[in-house]
Amino acid sequence: MTADTVLGNVAALSTAMAALAILESVTPFRPKDAWRRGHLAANLGLNASTVALNLVLGIGGAIVSEALRGHGLGLLAGRAIPALALVVVGIVCLDLATYLAHWLMHRVPAFWRVHRVHHSDPLVDVTTAYRQHPLEGLIRFAFIMAAAWALGLPAAVVALYRLVSALNALLEHANVKLWQPLDGLLSLALVTPNMHKVHHSRAQRETDSNYGNILSMFDRLFRTFTPTVRAPHVEYGLDGYDTVDAQRFASLMALPFETVAAAGSSRHPGRKWTATLVLLAASCGTALAQGPKLDTARIQEITGLQGAFNEEEGVFKVTSPRIDTTVLVDGWAMPPFMGLTSWASFQSGAGGKAMVMGDLVLLQDEVNPVMSALLDAGLEVTALHNHFFFDDPKVYFMHIGGEAPVEQLSRGVRRALDTVKEIRAKGSNPPSGFGTPPLPATSAVTGKRSKRHWA
């Protein structure tokens, strides 16, 4: 994220806030009385802290995002996904993470103590959008970035989502009159001003609804949607926080550290949120631990073999049929596809590594040189056996495996196959022996037969 990008985002938000403030004076949704105008100073102070905090977090988050993607971490990192599709997936998934964070703020007591700074405003207008305690900014950022890092989203997609989210927050809080039929229609897909104003109601059944940030689909999907027609009838704020002292900047900054005794489900939540947090943390951890996505093009380039990716198993397999020699099984020439094809399967691992396992088809004189080539490359030989009776020449199958950077594994496979080619270049069939004089009939290790044995 460059300095120009940061300044551009600040300019866009400032311009949007100023434009909506002017519009509020022209066509207000509700009139502002003299007392309620007093919330402006505290709101602007919180707005400034919110914007400053998010600029710092955004820069740090972008650096981490690109570092993780550079190591191939994340479900979508390294995949060939069109830019537009990546943006759509990113916005939907990040908006779901934001919905979850907002829902938990009404369910977890510690989160609610922070979030009530936002809900205690007795007048919802454009300055309410960023009326957040810094702790709320940290909570929201943590949920957004956990999802972004788990998915391996580019920093640009995350920045775009956060900008659209910030602009929409200004719009949905703005004290601007919007034709109700139009608002209702737009709320089928988006979070609209009237939809969000219901969420700021003092009535808890309405406060505990309409958690959406940009998209309204999650409220409808999880049955937390309240129709926008209720907007003109709600009373904003929280009981017990209507005094001038309670609305001062210092009081609002101290509010999360005060106890809360109000009754109701969102003030005394159940235990289901614990399982939700555990599942979210486990999902993110699993996604990040899956390691780098396979660079299949690089595997093909190094091994010199064409391969195929199995999406269901997450495995990329390259094959090399033995067409360089003819193998007879009981006098019948066996086609390579029926069991004479070497293969190696690659799969992403943890810690920046990949895994490989395979089966190499070898003739007798190839076994020792290929084994040496594999071991020298850092791979393992886990088995050596045969499949056929009465085969000519004798065929052996060498099982291989290993865990290392994908380039190292690919070079090991390539070295083994090149060793086979070098040997077969000297002749299509192996020699009939080791190429050394045969052992004598008797030697120093020949056992002596005792007379008793023959008795």
Protein backbone atom coordinates (compact mmCIF):
# COMPACT_ATOMS: atom_id res chain seq x y z
CA MET A 1 0.00 0.00 0.00
CA THR A 2 1.70 3.20 -1.21
CA ALA A 3 1.50 6.68 0.31
CA ASP A 4 -0.57 7.81 -2.68
CA THR A 5 -3.07 5.02 -2.02
CA VAL A 6 -3.37 5.97 1.64
CA LEU A 7 -3.87 9.65 0.85
CA GLY A 8 -6.35 8.77 -1.88
CA ASN A 9 -8.42 6.66 0.52
CA VAL A 10 -8.43 9.42 3.14
CA ALA A 11 -9.49 11.96 0.51
CA ALA A 12 -12.29 9.69 -0.71
CA LEU A 13 -13.65 9.14 2.81
CA SER A 14 -13.39 12.83 3.71
CA THR A 15 -15.16 13.87 0.52
CA ALA A 16 -17.92 11.31 1.03
CA MET A 17 -18.45 12.37 4.65
CA ALA A 18 -18.63 16.05 3.69
CA ALA A 19 -21.07 15.37 0.85
CA LEU A 20 -23.36 13.30 3.06
CA ALA A 21 -23.20 15.91 5.83
CA ILE A 22 -24.43 18.52 3.36
CA LEU A 23 -27.14 16.15 2.16
CA GLU A 24 -28.23 15.58 5.77
CA SER A 25 -28.94 19.30 6.12
CA VAL A 26 -30.94 19.35 2.89
CA THR A 27 -33.08 16.23 3.33
CA PRO A 28 -32.72 14.90 6.87
CA PHE A 29 -34.22 11.58 7.86
CA ARG A 30 -34.80 13.00 11.35
CA PRO A 31 -34.35 16.57 12.65
CA LYS A 32 -31.46 17.28 15.02
CA ASP A 33 -32.41 19.09 18.21
CA ALA A 34 -29.95 21.31 20.08
CA TRP A 35 -29.00 18.65 22.66
CA ARG A 36 -28.30 15.97 20.09
CA ARG A 37 -26.00 18.29 18.15
CA GLY A 38 -23.68 18.03 21.15
CA HIS A 39 -22.57 14.55 20.08
CA LEU A 40 -20.51 16.01 17.24
CA ALA A 41 -17.31 16.75 19.19
CA ALA A 42 -17.06 13.27 20.71
CA ASN A 43 -17.95 11.61 17.41
CA LEU A 44 -15.31 13.53 15.45
CA GLY A 45 -12.69 12.58 18.06
CA LEU A 46 -13.60 8.91 17.73
CA ASN A 47 -13.75 9.25 13.95
CA ALA A 48 -10.19 10.58 13.87
CA SER A 49 -8.86 7.78 16.07
CA THR A 50 -10.71 5.15 14.02
CA VAL A 51 -9.34 6.41 10.69
CA ALA A 52 -5.78 6.72 12.04
CA LEU A 53 -5.85 3.25 13.59
CA ASN A 54 -7.18 1.62 10.45
CA LEU A 55 -4.59 3.29 8.24
CA VAL A 56 -1.80 1.84 10.39
CA LEU A 57 -3.45 -1.58 10.58
CA GLY A 58 -4.14 -1.56 6.86
CA ILE A 59 -0.48 -0.99 5.99
CA GLY A 60 0.68 -3.71 8.37
CA GLY A 61 -2.00 -6.11 7.16
CA ALA A 62 -1.01 -5.54 3.53
CA ILE A 63 2.63 -6.35 4.28
CA VAL A 64 1.70 -9.58 6.04
CA SER A 65 -0.77 -10.55 3.28
CA GLU A 66 1.84 -10.27 0.56
CA ALA A 67 4.43 -12.09 2.66
CA LEU A 68 2.05 -15.02 3.22
CA ARG A 69 1.09 -15.15 -0.46
CA GLY A 70 4.78 -15.04 -1.35
CA HIS A 71 5.20 -18.28 0.60
CA GLY A 72 2.12 -19.80 -1.05
CA LEU A 73 0.07 -19.75 2.17
CA GLY A 74 -3.72 -19.60 1.94
CA LEU A 75 -6.43 -21.56 0.15
CA LEU A 76 -6.37 -19.42 -3.00
CA ALA A 77 -2.68 -18.51 -3.12
CA GLY A 78 -0.95 -19.70 -6.26
CA ARG A 79 -4.18 -20.68 -8.03
CA ALA A 80 -4.96 -19.38 -11.50
CA ILE A 81 -8.11 -17.38 -10.66
CA PRO A 82 -9.38 -14.50 -12.84
CA ALA A 83 -8.98 -11.12 -11.14
CA LEU A 84 -12.71 -10.35 -11.17
CA ALA A 85 -13.58 -13.72 -9.63
CA LEU A 86 -10.94 -13.20 -6.95
CA VAL A 87 -12.44 -9.80 -6.09
CA VAL A 88 -15.97 -11.23 -5.85
CA VAL A 89 -14.88 -14.18 -3.71
CA GLY A 90 -12.82 -11.87 -1.53
CA ILE A 91 -15.62 -9.38 -0.90
CA VAL A 92 -18.18 -12.08 -0.09
CA CYS A 93 -15.86 -13.97 2.27
CA LEU A 94 -14.56 -10.86 4.03
CA ASP A 95 -18.11 -9.58 4.44
CA LEU A 96 -19.06 -12.88 6.05
CA ALA A 97 -16.13 -12.48 8.46
CA THR A 98 -17.31 -8.95 9.28
CA TYR A 99 -20.87 -10.20 9.83
CA LEU A 100 -19.54 -12.82 12.25
CA ALA A 101 -17.46 -10.23 14.13
CA HIS A 102 -20.49 -7.94 14.45
CA TRP A 103 -22.75 -10.78 15.57
CA LEU A 104 -20.24 -11.77 18.24
CA MET A 105 -20.09 -8.19 19.49
CA HIS A 106 -23.69 -8.63 20.52
CA ARG A 107 -23.07 -12.07 22.02
CA VAL A 108 -19.74 -11.92 23.86
CA PRO A 109 -19.90 -9.73 27.02
CA ALA A 110 -16.36 -8.35 26.62
CA PHE A 111 -17.03 -7.51 22.97
CA TRP A 112 -20.36 -5.87 23.79
CA ARG A 113 -18.76 -3.57 26.35
CA VAL A 114 -16.56 -2.28 23.52
CA HIS A 115 -19.29 -2.15 20.88
CA ARG A 116 -21.78 -0.22 23.03
CA VAL A 117 -19.66 2.90 22.42
CA HIS A 118 -21.05 2.80 18.90
CA HIS A 119 -24.62 1.97 19.91
CA SER A 120 -24.89 4.60 22.64
CA ASP A 121 -25.21 7.46 20.13
CA PRO A 122 -28.71 8.97 20.56
CA LEU A 123 -28.61 10.36 17.02
CA VAL A 124 -27.43 8.26 14.09
CA ASP A 125 -25.82 10.35 11.39
CA VAL A 126 -22.74 10.29 9.16
CA THR A 127 -20.43 10.93 12.14
CA THR A 128 -21.76 7.78 13.85
CA ALA A 129 -20.17 5.61 11.15
CA TYR A 130 -16.69 5.69 12.69
CA ARG A 131 -17.81 6.27 16.27
CA GLN A 132 -15.86 3.23 17.45
CA HIS A 133 -13.60 2.54 20.35
CA PRO A 134 -10.06 1.58 19.18
CA LEU A 135 -10.58 -1.88 20.66
CA GLU A 136 -13.50 -2.43 18.27
CA GLY A 137 -11.24 -1.49 15.38
CA LEU A 138 -8.77 -4.15 16.50
CA ILE A 139 -11.50 -6.79 16.81
CA ARG A 140 -12.94 -6.10 13.38
CA PHE A 141 -9.49 -5.98 11.81
CA ALA A 142 -8.56 -9.32 13.40
CA PHE A 143 -11.60 -11.07 11.91
CA ILE A 144 -11.13 -9.54 8.46
CA MET A 145 -7.44 -10.35 8.28
CA ALA A 146 -7.87 -13.87 9.68
CA ALA A 147 -10.19 -14.59 6.75
CA ALA A 148 -7.95 -12.78 4.26
CA TRP A 149 -4.82 -14.64 5.35
CA ALA A 150 -6.59 -18.01 5.48
CA LEU A 151 -7.79 -17.49 1.92
CA GLY A 152 -4.48 -16.06 0.71
CA LEU A 153 -6.16 -12.94 -0.72
CA PRO A 154 -3.99 -10.27 -2.36
CA ALA A 155 -3.52 -7.10 -0.34
CA ALA A 156 -5.23 -5.13 -3.11
CA VAL A 157 -8.47 -7.14 -2.72
CA VAL A 158 -8.44 -6.63 1.05
CA ALA A 159 -7.81 -2.90 0.62
CA LEU A 160 -10.66 -2.65 -1.89
CA TYR A 161 -13.06 -4.40 0.49
CA ARG A 162 -12.08 -2.17 3.40
CA LEU A 163 -12.53 0.97 1.30
CA VAL A 164 -15.97 -0.08 0.02
CA SER A 165 -16.92 -1.07 3.56
CA ALA A 166 -15.83 2.30 4.93
CA LEU A 167 -17.75 4.21 2.25
CA ASN A 168 -20.87 2.12 2.79
CA ALA A 169 -20.63 2.72 6.55
CA LEU A 170 -20.91 6.45 5.91
CA LEU A 171 -23.92 5.95 3.67
CA GLU A 172 -25.82 3.54 5.93
CA HIS A 173 -25.40 5.80 8.98
CA ALA A 174 -26.16 9.05 7.17
CA ASN A 175 -29.23 10.90 8.47
CA VAL A 176 -30.62 11.16 4.95
CA LYS A 177 -34.18 10.49 3.85
CA LEU A 178 -34.37 7.70 1.29
CA TRP A 179 -37.56 6.71 -0.50
CA GLN A 180 -38.72 3.62 1.41
CA PRO A 181 -39.73 1.49 -1.63
CA LEU A 182 -36.26 2.05 -3.11
CA ASP A 183 -34.55 1.28 0.20
CA GLY A 184 -36.58 -1.91 0.54
CA LEU A 185 -35.66 -3.00 -2.97
CA LEU A 186 -31.96 -2.31 -2.48
CA SER A 187 -31.98 -4.18 0.84
CA LEU A 188 -32.63 -7.40 -1.04
CA ALA A 189 -28.92 -7.41 -1.84
CA LEU A 190 -27.23 -4.59 0.05
CA VAL A 191 -27.20 -3.10 3.53
CA THR A 192 -29.13 0.15 3.13
CA PRO A 193 -29.48 3.22 5.40
CA ASN A 194 -32.91 2.19 6.68
CA MET A 195 -31.85 -1.41 7.20
CA HIS A 196 -28.94 -0.36 9.38
CA LYS A 197 -30.92 2.25 11.31
CA VAL A 198 -33.15 -0.56 12.59
CA HIS A 199 -30.01 -2.09 14.06
CA HIS A 200 -29.48 1.09 16.14
CA SER A 201 -32.85 0.72 17.85
CA ARG A 202 -33.07 0.73 21.65
CA ALA A 203 -35.37 -2.29 21.42
CA GLN A 204 -33.10 -5.28 21.79
CA ARG A 205 -35.06 -7.48 19.40
CA GLU A 206 -34.22 -4.94 16.70
CA THR A 207 -30.68 -4.21 17.91
CA ASP A 208 -29.96 -7.93 17.67
CA SER A 209 -30.70 -7.96 13.95
CA ASN A 210 -29.39 -6.54 10.67
CA TYR A 211 -25.71 -7.21 11.40
CA GLY A 212 -24.72 -7.04 7.73
CA ASN A 213 -21.93 -4.78 6.56
CA ILE A 214 -22.16 -4.50 2.76
CA LEU A 215 -24.28 -7.48 1.72
CA SER A 216 -27.65 -8.22 3.29
CA MET A 217 -27.57 -11.87 2.26
CA PHE A 218 -26.05 -13.07 5.52
CA ASP A 219 -28.83 -11.56 7.63
CA ARG A 220 -31.36 -13.30 5.43
CA LEU A 221 -29.39 -16.54 5.40
CA PHE A 222 -28.96 -16.65 9.18
CA ARG A 223 -32.43 -15.24 9.89
CA THR A 224 -31.29 -12.04 11.59
CA PHE A 225 -33.03 -9.71 9.14
CA THR A 226 -35.60 -7.13 10.22
CA PRO A 227 -37.55 -5.32 7.45
CA THR A 228 -36.47 -1.76 6.72
CA VAL A 229 -40.02 -0.37 7.17
CA ARG A 230 -39.28 -0.29 10.90
CA ALA A 231 -36.62 2.43 10.46
CA PRO A 232 -38.87 5.50 10.92
CA HIS A 233 -40.23 4.12 14.21
CA VAL A 234 -37.04 3.16 16.08
CA GLU A 235 -35.53 5.18 18.91
CA TYR A 236 -31.75 5.36 18.76
CA GLY A 237 -29.25 4.85 21.58
CA LEU A 238 -28.94 2.80 24.76
CA ASP A 239 -30.79 3.26 28.01
CA GLY A 240 -28.59 4.76 30.70
CA TYR A 241 -26.22 6.61 28.35
CA ASP A 242 -28.26 9.68 27.39
CA THR A 243 -26.62 12.22 29.71
CA VAL A 244 -24.21 14.87 28.49
CA ASP A 245 -21.45 13.41 30.66
CA ALA A 246 -21.95 9.91 29.23
CA GLN A 247 -21.56 11.28 25.71
CA ARG A 248 -18.23 13.01 26.30
CA PHE A 249 -15.15 11.70 24.49
CA ALA A 250 -13.36 10.70 27.70
CA SER A 251 -16.44 8.86 29.00
CA LEU A 252 -16.83 6.93 25.76
CA MET A 253 -13.16 5.92 25.76
CA ALA A 254 -13.57 4.58 29.32
CA LEU A 255 -16.90 2.84 28.60
CA PRO A 256 -15.49 -0.62 27.66
CA PHE A 257 -13.86 -0.88 31.07
CA GLU A 258 -17.10 -0.33 32.98
CA THR A 259 -19.32 -3.24 33.95
CA VAL A 260 -22.62 -3.78 32.19
CA ALA A 261 -25.71 -4.99 33.98
CA ALA A 262 -28.40 -4.48 31.41
CA ALA A 263 -30.61 -7.52 30.88
CA GLY A 264 -31.21 -9.41 27.66
CA SER A 265 -29.63 -12.02 25.43
CA SER A 266 -27.14 -9.68 23.79
CA ARG A 267 -26.02 -8.40 27.19
CA HIS A 268 -25.89 -11.86 28.83
CA PRO A 269 -25.08 -14.18 25.92
CA GLY A 270 -25.17 -17.93 25.93
CA ARG A 271 -22.22 -20.23 25.34
CA LYS A 272 -22.67 -20.91 21.64
CA TRP A 273 -20.25 -18.12 20.75
CA THR A 274 -17.38 -20.12 22.26
CA ALA A 275 -17.81 -22.93 19.75
CA THR A 276 -18.07 -20.37 16.96
CA LEU A 277 -14.76 -18.78 17.90
CA VAL A 278 -13.05 -22.15 18.24
CA LEU A 279 -14.30 -23.29 14.84
CA LEU A 280 -13.21 -20.04 13.20
CA ALA A 281 -9.73 -20.23 14.73
CA ALA A 282 -9.40 -23.89 13.76
CA SER A 283 -10.50 -23.18 10.17
CA CYS A 284 -8.03 -20.33 9.78
CA GLY A 285 -5.23 -22.35 11.33
CA THR A 286 -5.92 -25.31 9.07
CA ALA A 287 -5.98 -23.13 5.98
CA LEU A 288 -2.68 -21.47 6.87
CA ALA A 289 -1.07 -24.77 7.81
CA GLN A 290 -1.86 -26.34 4.46
CA GLY A 291 1.30 -24.86 3.08
CA PRO A 292 2.16 -23.61 -0.38
CA LYS A 293 0.13 -24.42 -3.42
CA LEU A 294 1.93 -26.58 -5.91
CA ASP A 295 3.66 -24.84 -8.77
CA THR A 296 2.60 -27.47 -11.28
CA ALA A 297 4.20 -25.66 -14.19
CA ARG A 298 7.54 -25.72 -12.40
CA ILE A 299 7.19 -29.46 -11.64
CA GLN A 300 6.59 -30.17 -15.33
CA GLU A 301 9.48 -27.93 -16.35
CA ILE A 302 11.99 -29.61 -14.03
CA THR A 303 10.90 -33.23 -14.50
CA GLY A 304 10.32 -32.84 -18.24
CA LEU A 305 7.02 -34.71 -17.84
CA GLN A 306 3.40 -33.75 -18.40
CA GLY A 307 1.05 -34.16 -15.47
CA ALA A 308 -2.55 -33.90 -14.32
CA PHE A 309 -3.96 -32.31 -11.16
CA ASN A 310 -6.57 -34.17 -9.10
CA GLU A 311 -8.66 -31.40 -7.51
CA GLU A 312 -10.41 -33.75 -5.10
CA GLU A 313 -7.18 -35.13 -3.65
CA GLY A 314 -4.99 -32.08 -4.19
CA VAL A 315 -2.37 -34.21 -5.98
CA PHE A 316 -0.37 -33.47 -9.13
CA LYS A 317 0.82 -36.64 -10.88
CA VAL A 318 3.44 -36.95 -13.63
CA THR A 319 4.01 -40.18 -15.56
CA SER A 320 6.72 -41.73 -17.74
CA PRO A 321 5.82 -44.97 -19.61
CA ARG A 322 8.71 -47.37 -20.32
CA ILE A 323 8.67 -47.26 -24.12
CA ASP A 324 12.46 -47.61 -24.32
CA THR A 325 12.45 -51.39 -23.97
CA THR A 326 10.25 -54.40 -24.62
CA VAL A 327 9.21 -56.57 -21.70
CA LEU A 328 7.91 -60.08 -22.34
CA VAL A 329 5.72 -61.80 -19.76
CA ASP A 330 5.60 -65.51 -20.54
CA GLY A 331 6.51 -64.63 -24.11
CA TRP A 332 3.84 -61.89 -24.48
CA ALA A 333 4.94 -58.28 -25.12
CA MET A 334 3.33 -56.18 -22.37
CA PRO A 335 2.10 -52.69 -23.38
CA PRO A 336 3.55 -49.94 -21.09
CA PHE A 337 0.11 -48.73 -19.99
CA MET A 338 -0.65 -52.10 -18.38
CA GLY A 339 1.91 -51.74 -15.61
CA LEU A 340 5.15 -50.45 -17.04
CA THR A 341 4.75 -46.73 -16.32
CA SER A 342 6.81 -44.83 -13.77
CA TRP A 343 4.96 -42.09 -11.87
CA ALA A 344 5.42 -39.50 -9.14
CA SER A 345 2.65 -37.65 -7.27
CA PHE A 346 3.25 -34.28 -5.61
CA GLN A 347 1.16 -32.72 -2.86
CA SER A 348 1.55 -29.51 -0.86
CA GLY A 349 2.86 -29.92 2.66
CA ALA A 350 3.47 -27.71 5.69
CA GLY A 351 6.24 -25.27 6.41
CA GLY A 352 6.90 -24.28 2.81
CA LYS A 353 7.50 -27.87 1.73
CA ALA A 354 5.84 -30.37 -0.58
CA MET A 355 5.54 -34.16 -0.47
CA VAL A 356 6.17 -36.72 -3.18
CA MET A 357 5.57 -40.43 -3.52
CA GLY A 358 5.88 -42.59 -6.57
CA ASP A 359 6.75 -45.90 -8.20
CA LEU A 360 9.60 -46.24 -10.67
CA VAL A 361 9.69 -49.10 -13.20
CA LEU A 362 13.30 -50.34 -13.38
CA LEU A 363 15.30 -53.09 -15.00
CA GLN A 364 17.91 -55.00 -13.02
CA ASP A 365 20.94 -52.93 -14.02
CA GLU A 366 19.09 -49.69 -13.23
CA VAL A 367 18.25 -50.42 -9.60
CA ASN A 368 21.51 -49.51 -7.88
CA PRO A 369 22.35 -46.38 -9.93
CA VAL A 370 18.79 -45.01 -9.60
CA MET A 371 18.75 -45.69 -5.87
CA SER A 372 22.00 -43.77 -5.48
CA ALA A 373 20.66 -40.86 -7.54
CA LEU A 374 17.52 -40.63 -5.40
CA LEU A 375 19.35 -40.80 -2.08
CA ASP A 376 21.86 -38.19 -3.22
CA ALA A 377 18.92 -35.89 -4.09
CA GLY A 378 17.45 -36.23 -0.59
CA LEU A 379 14.58 -38.58 -1.50
CA GLU A 380 13.80 -41.89 0.18
CA VAL A 381 13.53 -45.40 -1.24
CA THR A 382 10.84 -47.21 0.72
CA ALA A 383 10.42 -50.51 -1.14
CA LEU A 384 11.72 -52.62 -4.02
CA HIS A 385 9.74 -55.57 -5.39
CA ASN A 386 8.51 -57.24 -8.56
CA HIS A 387 5.03 -57.74 -10.00
CA PHE A 388 5.41 -60.44 -12.63
CA PHE A 389 6.42 -64.08 -13.09
CA PHE A 390 8.39 -65.20 -16.15
CA ASP A 391 9.18 -61.61 -17.23
CA ASP A 392 12.07 -61.00 -19.60
CA PRO A 393 13.97 -58.85 -18.82
CA LYS A 394 13.23 -58.83 -15.08
CA VAL A 395 11.28 -55.77 -13.97
CA TYR A 396 11.44 -54.21 -10.51
CA PHE A 397 9.34 -51.49 -8.91
CA MET A 398 10.99 -48.95 -6.64
CA HIS A 399 8.76 -47.00 -4.25
CA ILE A 400 10.02 -43.48 -3.54
CA GLY A 401 8.99 -40.71 -1.17
CA GLY A 402 10.16 -37.46 0.34
CA GLU A 403 9.28 -34.12 1.91
CA ALA A 404 11.20 -31.03 0.80
CA PRO A 405 10.78 -27.91 -1.35
CA VAL A 406 8.98 -28.86 -4.53
CA GLU A 407 11.93 -27.95 -6.76
CA GLN A 408 14.23 -30.29 -4.83
CA LEU A 409 11.74 -33.15 -5.13
CA SER A 410 11.26 -32.48 -8.84
CA ARG A 411 15.01 -32.48 -9.44
CA GLY A 412 15.32 -35.78 -7.58
CA VAL A 413 12.71 -37.41 -9.80
CA ARG A 414 14.34 -35.95 -12.90
CA ARG A 415 17.76 -37.25 -11.82
CA ALA A 416 16.39 -40.76 -11.38
CA LEU A 417 14.75 -40.77 -14.81
CA ASP A 418 17.85 -39.32 -16.47
CA THR A 419 19.92 -42.10 -14.88
CA VAL A 420 17.61 -44.67 -16.50
CA LYS A 421 18.02 -42.97 -19.89
CA GLU A 422 21.80 -42.94 -19.60
CA ILE A 423 21.86 -46.65 -18.85
CA ARG A 424 19.44 -47.61 -21.59
CA ALA A 425 21.35 -45.52 -24.12
CA LYS A 426 24.01 -48.23 -23.90
CA GLY A 427 21.50 -50.96 -24.80
CA SER A 428 17.77 -51.61 -24.70
CA ASN A 429 18.17 -54.73 -22.57
CA PRO A 430 20.23 -55.19 -19.43
CA PRO A 431 23.24 -57.53 -19.39
CA SER A 432 22.77 -61.07 -18.15
CA GLY A 433 25.05 -60.56 -15.15
CA PHE A 434 27.05 -58.09 -13.10
CA GLY A 435 29.81 -57.96 -15.71
CA THR A 436 32.38 -59.48 -13.39
CA PRO A 437 33.88 -63.02 -13.35
CA PRO A 438 31.54 -65.54 -11.73
CA LEU A 439 32.23 -66.66 -8.21
CA PRO A 440 34.34 -69.85 -7.94
CA ALA A 441 32.62 -73.10 -7.05
CA THR A 442 34.34 -73.06 -3.69
CA SER A 443 35.73 -70.22 -1.63
CA ALA A 444 36.81 -69.33 1.88
CA VAL A 445 33.18 -69.16 2.92
CA THR A 446 32.19 -72.53 1.52
CA GLY A 447 30.95 -74.75 4.32
CA LYS A 448 32.79 -78.00 5.07
CA ARG A 449 30.71 -81.16 5.28
CA SER A 450 31.50 -83.40 8.17
CA LYS A 451 31.60 -87.17 7.89
CA ARG A 452 28.86 -87.40 10.48
CA HIS A 453 26.61 -85.33 8.18
CA TRP A 454 26.96 -87.95 5.45
CA ALA A 455 26.63 -90.91 7.72
